[in-house]
Protein backbone atom coordinates (compact mmCIF):
# COMPACT_ATOMS: atom_id res chain seq x y z
CA MET A 1 31.92 -130.36 7.36
CA ALA A 2 35.68 -130.37 7.60
CA ALA A 3 37.62 -131.06 4.43
CA GLY A 4 37.89 -134.75 3.71
CA ARG A 5 34.91 -135.94 5.72
CA SER A 6 31.18 -135.72 5.17
CA ARG A 7 28.23 -136.14 7.49
CA ALA A 8 27.66 -139.55 5.93
CA ASP A 9 31.25 -140.47 6.83
CA SER A 10 30.74 -139.37 10.41
CA LEU A 11 27.46 -141.24 10.78
CA ARG A 12 29.14 -144.38 9.43
CA TRP A 13 32.07 -143.96 11.83
CA THR A 14 29.69 -143.41 14.72
CA ALA A 15 27.99 -146.72 13.95
CA GLN A 16 31.32 -148.50 13.52
CA GLY A 17 32.81 -146.93 16.63
CA THR A 18 29.77 -147.79 18.73
CA GLU A 19 30.09 -151.41 17.64
CA ILE A 20 33.82 -151.44 18.38
CA PHE A 21 33.40 -149.75 21.76
CA PHE A 22 30.63 -151.97 23.05
CA GLY A 23 32.28 -155.06 21.60
CA ALA A 24 35.39 -154.20 23.61
CA LEU A 25 33.32 -153.41 26.68
CA ASP A 26 31.60 -156.80 26.49
CA THR A 27 34.96 -158.52 26.91
CA LEU A 28 35.70 -156.74 30.18
CA PRO A 29 34.53 -158.34 33.44
CA ASP A 30 32.85 -156.00 35.88
CA ASP A 31 35.87 -155.81 38.18
CA ARG A 32 37.93 -154.29 35.37
CA LEU A 33 35.72 -151.21 35.54
CA LEU A 34 37.18 -150.57 38.99
CA ARG A 35 40.75 -150.51 37.74
CA ARG A 36 42.70 -147.50 36.58
CA THR A 37 42.89 -146.77 32.87
CA ALA A 38 45.68 -144.98 31.03
CA LEU A 39 43.65 -141.77 31.39
CA ASP A 40 44.89 -139.78 34.35
CA GLY A 41 42.75 -140.38 37.44
CA TRP A 42 40.06 -142.38 35.67
CA THR A 43 38.95 -145.95 36.23
CA GLY A 44 37.06 -147.94 33.65
CA GLY A 45 33.91 -146.79 35.42
CA HIS A 46 34.82 -143.13 34.91
CA LEU A 47 35.48 -143.81 31.24
CA LEU A 48 32.19 -145.61 30.74
CA ALA A 49 30.28 -142.90 32.64
CA HIS A 50 31.94 -140.30 30.42
CA VAL A 51 30.92 -142.10 27.22
CA ALA A 52 27.36 -142.50 28.50
CA ALA A 53 27.12 -138.87 29.60
CA ASN A 54 28.60 -137.75 26.29
CA ALA A 55 25.76 -139.44 24.40
CA ASP A 56 23.21 -137.74 26.67
CA ALA A 57 24.95 -134.40 26.08
CA LEU A 58 24.89 -134.86 22.32
CA VAL A 59 21.19 -135.72 22.57
CA ASN A 60 20.83 -132.22 24.02
CA LEU A 61 22.52 -130.77 20.93
CA ALA A 62 20.27 -132.84 18.67
CA GLN A 63 17.30 -131.41 20.57
CA TRP A 64 18.70 -127.91 20.02
CA ALA A 65 19.08 -128.63 16.31
CA ARG A 66 15.56 -130.02 16.04
CA THR A 67 13.71 -127.30 17.96
CA GLY A 68 15.95 -124.24 17.71
CA GLU A 69 15.76 -123.88 21.51
CA GLU A 70 19.19 -123.57 23.12
CA THR A 71 19.98 -126.81 24.96
CA PRO A 72 23.61 -126.90 26.16
CA MET A 73 25.51 -130.16 26.30
CA TYR A 74 26.14 -129.79 30.03
CA ALA A 75 24.82 -127.42 32.69
CA SER A 76 28.45 -126.51 33.49
CA PRO A 77 31.92 -128.06 33.38
CA ALA A 78 31.66 -128.69 37.12
CA GLN A 79 28.35 -130.48 36.69
CA ARG A 80 29.83 -132.59 33.90
CA ASP A 81 32.70 -133.68 36.14
CA ALA A 82 30.35 -134.37 39.06
CA ASP A 83 28.10 -136.51 36.86
CA ILE A 84 31.08 -138.58 35.71
CA GLU A 85 32.23 -139.10 39.32
CA ALA A 86 28.75 -140.10 40.40
CA GLY A 87 28.32 -142.35 37.37
CA ALA A 88 31.59 -144.14 38.03
CA ALA A 89 30.25 -145.18 41.44
CA ARG A 90 27.16 -146.87 39.99
CA PRO A 91 26.93 -150.68 39.97
CA ALA A 92 28.51 -152.12 36.84
CA ALA A 93 25.25 -153.45 35.42
CA GLU A 94 23.59 -150.06 35.85
CA LEU A 95 26.54 -148.27 34.30
CA ARG A 96 26.60 -150.60 31.29
CA ALA A 97 22.84 -150.18 30.83
CA TRP A 98 23.16 -146.37 30.94
CA ALA A 99 25.88 -146.41 28.29
CA THR A 100 23.84 -148.70 26.02
CA ARG A 101 20.62 -146.75 26.50
CA SER A 102 22.17 -143.33 25.90
CA ALA A 103 23.93 -144.54 22.73
CA GLY A 104 20.65 -145.86 21.37
CA THR A 105 18.78 -142.66 22.19
CA LEU A 106 21.40 -140.57 20.42
CA GLN A 107 21.13 -142.73 17.31
CA GLU A 108 17.35 -142.24 17.31
CA ARG A 109 17.54 -138.47 17.78
CA LEU A 110 20.09 -138.04 15.00
CA ALA A 111 17.93 -140.07 12.62
CA GLU A 112 15.11 -137.56 13.15
CA LEU A 113 17.01 -134.50 11.89
CA ASP A 114 16.28 -133.03 8.47
CA GLU A 115 18.62 -130.99 6.28
CA ARG A 116 17.54 -127.65 7.75
CA GLN A 117 18.08 -128.94 11.27
CA TRP A 118 21.47 -130.45 10.45
CA ALA A 119 22.56 -126.96 9.36
CA ARG A 120 21.40 -125.26 12.58
CA GLN A 121 24.19 -123.83 14.72
CA VAL A 122 24.80 -125.40 18.14
CA ARG A 123 27.54 -124.93 20.73
CA THR A 124 30.00 -127.55 21.92
CA ALA A 125 31.18 -128.03 25.48
CA GLN A 126 34.38 -126.17 24.52
CA GLY A 127 32.32 -123.16 23.45
CA ARG A 128 32.71 -123.60 19.69
CA THR A 129 29.70 -122.80 17.51
CA VAL A 130 29.30 -125.48 14.84
CA PRO A 131 26.53 -126.80 12.58
CA ALA A 132 24.63 -129.75 14.02
CA GLY A 133 26.15 -131.82 11.23
CA GLU A 134 29.27 -131.97 13.42
CA ILE A 135 27.48 -133.98 16.13
CA PRO A 136 28.12 -137.38 14.49
CA TRP A 137 31.82 -136.59 14.18
CA MET A 138 31.98 -135.61 17.84
CA ARG A 139 30.43 -138.94 18.79
CA ALA A 140 32.54 -141.00 16.38
CA ARG A 141 35.66 -139.51 17.91
CA GLU A 142 34.48 -140.37 21.42
CA VAL A 143 33.58 -144.00 20.85
CA MET A 144 36.53 -144.79 18.58
CA VAL A 145 39.25 -143.30 20.76
CA HIS A 146 37.74 -144.48 24.04
CA ALA A 147 37.43 -148.01 22.68
CA VAL A 148 41.22 -147.95 22.79
CA ASP A 149 41.26 -146.37 26.24
CA LEU A 150 39.18 -149.22 27.69
CA GLY A 151 42.29 -151.38 27.65
CA ALA A 152 40.42 -154.36 26.23
CA GLY A 153 42.92 -155.15 23.49
CA VAL A 154 41.64 -152.68 20.89
CA GLY A 155 44.42 -150.55 19.44
CA PHE A 156 44.35 -147.65 17.03
CA ASP A 157 45.30 -150.16 14.34
CA ALA A 158 41.85 -151.74 14.81
CA LEU A 159 40.11 -148.50 13.79
CA PRO A 160 39.16 -147.70 10.16
CA ALA A 161 41.95 -146.05 8.18
CA ASP A 162 39.70 -143.32 6.80
CA PHE A 163 38.60 -142.46 10.33
CA LEU A 164 42.23 -142.30 11.49
CA ALA A 165 43.12 -139.93 8.65
CA ALA A 166 40.17 -137.70 9.57
CA LEU A 167 41.14 -137.82 13.24
CA ILE A 168 44.70 -136.78 12.48
CA GLY A 169 43.37 -133.90 10.39
CA ASP A 170 41.06 -132.85 13.22
CA ILE A 171 43.75 -132.99 15.89
CA THR A 172 46.40 -131.18 13.85
CA ALA A 173 43.90 -128.41 13.08
CA LYS A 174 43.07 -128.03 16.77
CA ARG A 175 46.72 -128.07 17.76
CA SER A 176 47.49 -125.43 15.12
CA GLY A 177 44.70 -123.26 16.46
CA ALA A 178 45.97 -123.57 20.03
CA GLY A 179 49.58 -122.96 18.99
CA ASP A 180 50.81 -124.21 22.37
CA GLY A 181 53.05 -127.02 21.14
CA PRO A 182 55.91 -127.55 18.72
CA ALA A 183 55.44 -127.03 14.99
CA LEU A 184 55.22 -130.41 13.26
CA THR A 185 55.13 -131.92 9.79
CA VAL A 186 53.34 -135.25 10.14
CA THR A 187 53.74 -137.96 7.49
CA ALA A 188 52.06 -141.35 7.38
CA THR A 189 54.06 -144.32 6.11
CA ASP A 190 50.98 -146.35 5.17
CA HIS A 191 48.72 -143.65 3.76
CA ASP A 192 49.01 -140.88 1.18
CA GLY A 193 48.74 -138.10 3.69
CA GLU A 194 50.77 -135.29 5.23
CA TRP A 195 49.59 -132.85 7.87
CA SER A 196 51.18 -129.93 9.67
CA THR A 197 50.67 -128.09 12.91
CA ALA A 198 51.58 -124.52 13.62
CA GLY A 199 53.56 -124.01 16.79
CA ALA A 200 56.82 -122.99 18.36
CA GLY A 201 60.11 -123.25 16.49
CA GLY A 202 60.96 -124.78 13.15
CA SER A 203 58.75 -127.58 11.93
CA ILE A 204 59.83 -130.99 13.24
CA PRO A 205 59.16 -133.99 10.97
CA VAL A 206 57.25 -136.82 12.64
CA THR A 207 56.71 -140.10 10.80
CA GLY A 208 54.64 -143.18 11.58
CA THR A 209 51.70 -145.31 10.58
CA LEU A 210 48.22 -143.81 10.65
CA ALA A 211 47.56 -145.71 13.86
CA GLY A 212 50.82 -144.60 15.44
CA LEU A 213 50.30 -140.97 14.46
CA ALA A 214 46.73 -140.95 15.78
CA ALA A 215 47.94 -142.39 19.09
CA TYR A 216 50.78 -139.88 19.32
CA LEU A 217 48.77 -136.80 18.38
CA SER A 218 45.96 -137.72 20.78
CA GLY A 219 48.40 -138.11 23.65
CA ARG A 220 48.37 -141.90 23.79
CA GLY A 221 51.96 -142.93 23.25
CA THR A 222 54.96 -142.32 21.01
CA ASP A 223 56.11 -145.89 20.48
CA ALA A 224 55.13 -146.12 16.81
CA VAL A 225 56.41 -142.73 15.64
CA THR A 226 59.81 -141.15 15.11
CA GLY A 227 60.99 -137.57 15.04
CA LEU A 228 63.89 -135.85 13.35
CA GLY A 229 66.74 -138.24 12.51
CA GLY A 230 64.95 -141.18 14.07
CA ARG A 231 64.88 -139.55 17.48
CA PRO A 232 61.78 -139.72 19.70
CA ALA A 233 58.94 -137.47 18.66
CA PRO A 234 58.57 -134.32 20.79
CA GLU A 235 56.19 -134.25 23.74
CA LEU A 236 52.87 -132.55 23.11
CA PRO A 237 50.49 -130.64 25.36
CA ARG A 238 47.07 -132.05 26.17
CA TRP A 239 44.77 -132.50 23.17
CA LEU A 240 41.29 -132.14 24.75
């Protein structure tokens, strides 16, 4: 597990995020699934198909962890994209049912894993090899962040503070590893936390609330953060 979060944390956040996501989804009429979201090129239907397919993919990793037989998340990146496109075209009721069913199946499969299986190495869609204990975190991140992306009135400030701190830690670590953006020193105004990212140039201070920093670092707006001398925070490359 990454520093500062345990498997128990991630399982709790998965449960909370699933409740938040589907609670937000329940407020959206079917025609809203046809509209564009803030995610480039995606409608609400694409987003919901992605969340549903993500649960199915993580079920594959849980199967890998349980049996030891390699079961990739997706057959290929192209197949993943094709499945999302096809899913987005499904009738709204069918799409909602798929998302609900896949979330429930994932919860059941994770509950079956024992300590030895949680420790088994599996591979993410990005090609990283991680212990199966990372699966709940991967799902928590999906449902929490995409609850915001639904555009149903849920903001990052509606997400648990401890999750936001863990998310910021996760994103800054990934951005440091990629090294394709500016170097940053990130400080929260409402939490005892400071993070840094390696990158180009001298480190630029960025300040904001946990919610604002999570939105900024995940590529979802800079409104609630400030950079050096109160100037706008620097633009960042894509996160995932």
